[in-house]
């Protein structure tokens, strides 16, 4: 192991009776070339230190025993063009780690597991056993975040996985700017208290329809849980899923009796696809759905939910919707959707656009809202900007400006610095605390 440690020179003012206090040690840099070096560096490090990983494969590695207080120990590849690689990464109950610019690939389930606190995982590539952009031969999850707190999963690239990320029974988890593609399922969330899911790019999902899979980009659930998801923002995600099969967008539901999600903010998300649940919100008390765009890809025009080829590569096609039911104290405003269904008597549905769809053959025209319907299989985000000028633009409906999404920063230093900057923007509680149960009455809002 090679260690370069820098200590400051102590300047003492030659003033009578003045006592010079010892200066704090400056951060050190450790250079690791193998597993033993890495273990020794982690053992010697303190918060503020950096461990640079030489190119090579470090195998399966457990960071569980390492806990740092007062800051982070940074672990990153020394060479951005020849990144360090790991097999299964077990962060376990580790505390105060920032890991950037590495590759993790394994047949283990999951490839990366986190149950600790104060972890930044940024600018990394996570892969299943077979790197071929075909997740049918990959049975594992990319990352599990469970019983954890203060976790940032940002600017990473997830591919060749059964499920990209699970987040469960955790506090303040942020999933930001990740690229999630060539997977069979996206992000599964349960019992999360506080956090943000933002600026992610969901694309090129490849479910196995012959197995009855019905994937979602993002799903909230409560099965075997005693609490739902609370105080979470879901914003500015691009669900670019115009494939030959149904992949749902955001599905928020509750399977457990009398267990509800609370205080959700769902804003600025764009879904392009052919599944019914563009955004579905159920089992929820207190939410805001503003300025989302839920529109049908060309495959959806087949309007056949039973469409499936024998090989399982092609699935059904339906017009996507915003579906809001079994909810309380929810505001739904300034969205563009093919159809909206249901809202409780104590909730509001205001100034949303019902866009023309090929099943009902009613609704406002694509030309008046967007200037026309995109012709590409996977159009750019800019194709879903509200037309300017237009009545919809004047009313502030839909996507008023583009946003960055899925920006994977593979340079280790830039990824680490980006992650550190996110800590200054942790979202606070977004709505007032809401209690109570769901009202019995639900009223329809559109045809």
Foldseek 3Di string as FASTA:
>chain_A
DDKDFDADDFDDDPDPPDDGDGDDGAEIEQEDEEQVSVVVCLVPHAARYEYEYEADEHEEDELCVREYPDAAYEYFHPDLVRGYEYEAYEPHAYYRYEYAQHEYEYLDAASYEAQHEHYEYALYEFEYHDPDLALPVHEHEHYEYANYEHYEAELYEYANHQEHYEYELYEAYEDAQAEYESYQAYYEYFNYEAYEYAQAEAEHHFHQCVVVDAYENYEWEAVVHQEGYEQYEYAHYEHQYLDQAHYEYYYYDYPDPPHAYEQYEYEHYEHEYFHACNDEHARYEYYEYAQYEAFYFPSQLVQAQQDADPRRRGGGGHAYAYEYPNYYAYEYEQEEGCDYWKDFPRYYHDHYFNEADNPVRDGDYCCQFQVHDDPDSGDDPNSFAGDPPHPSVVVVHHHPDHDHHNNRDNRGVVGSVVSVVVVVVRDDRDDPDDDDGTDPDMDTDTD
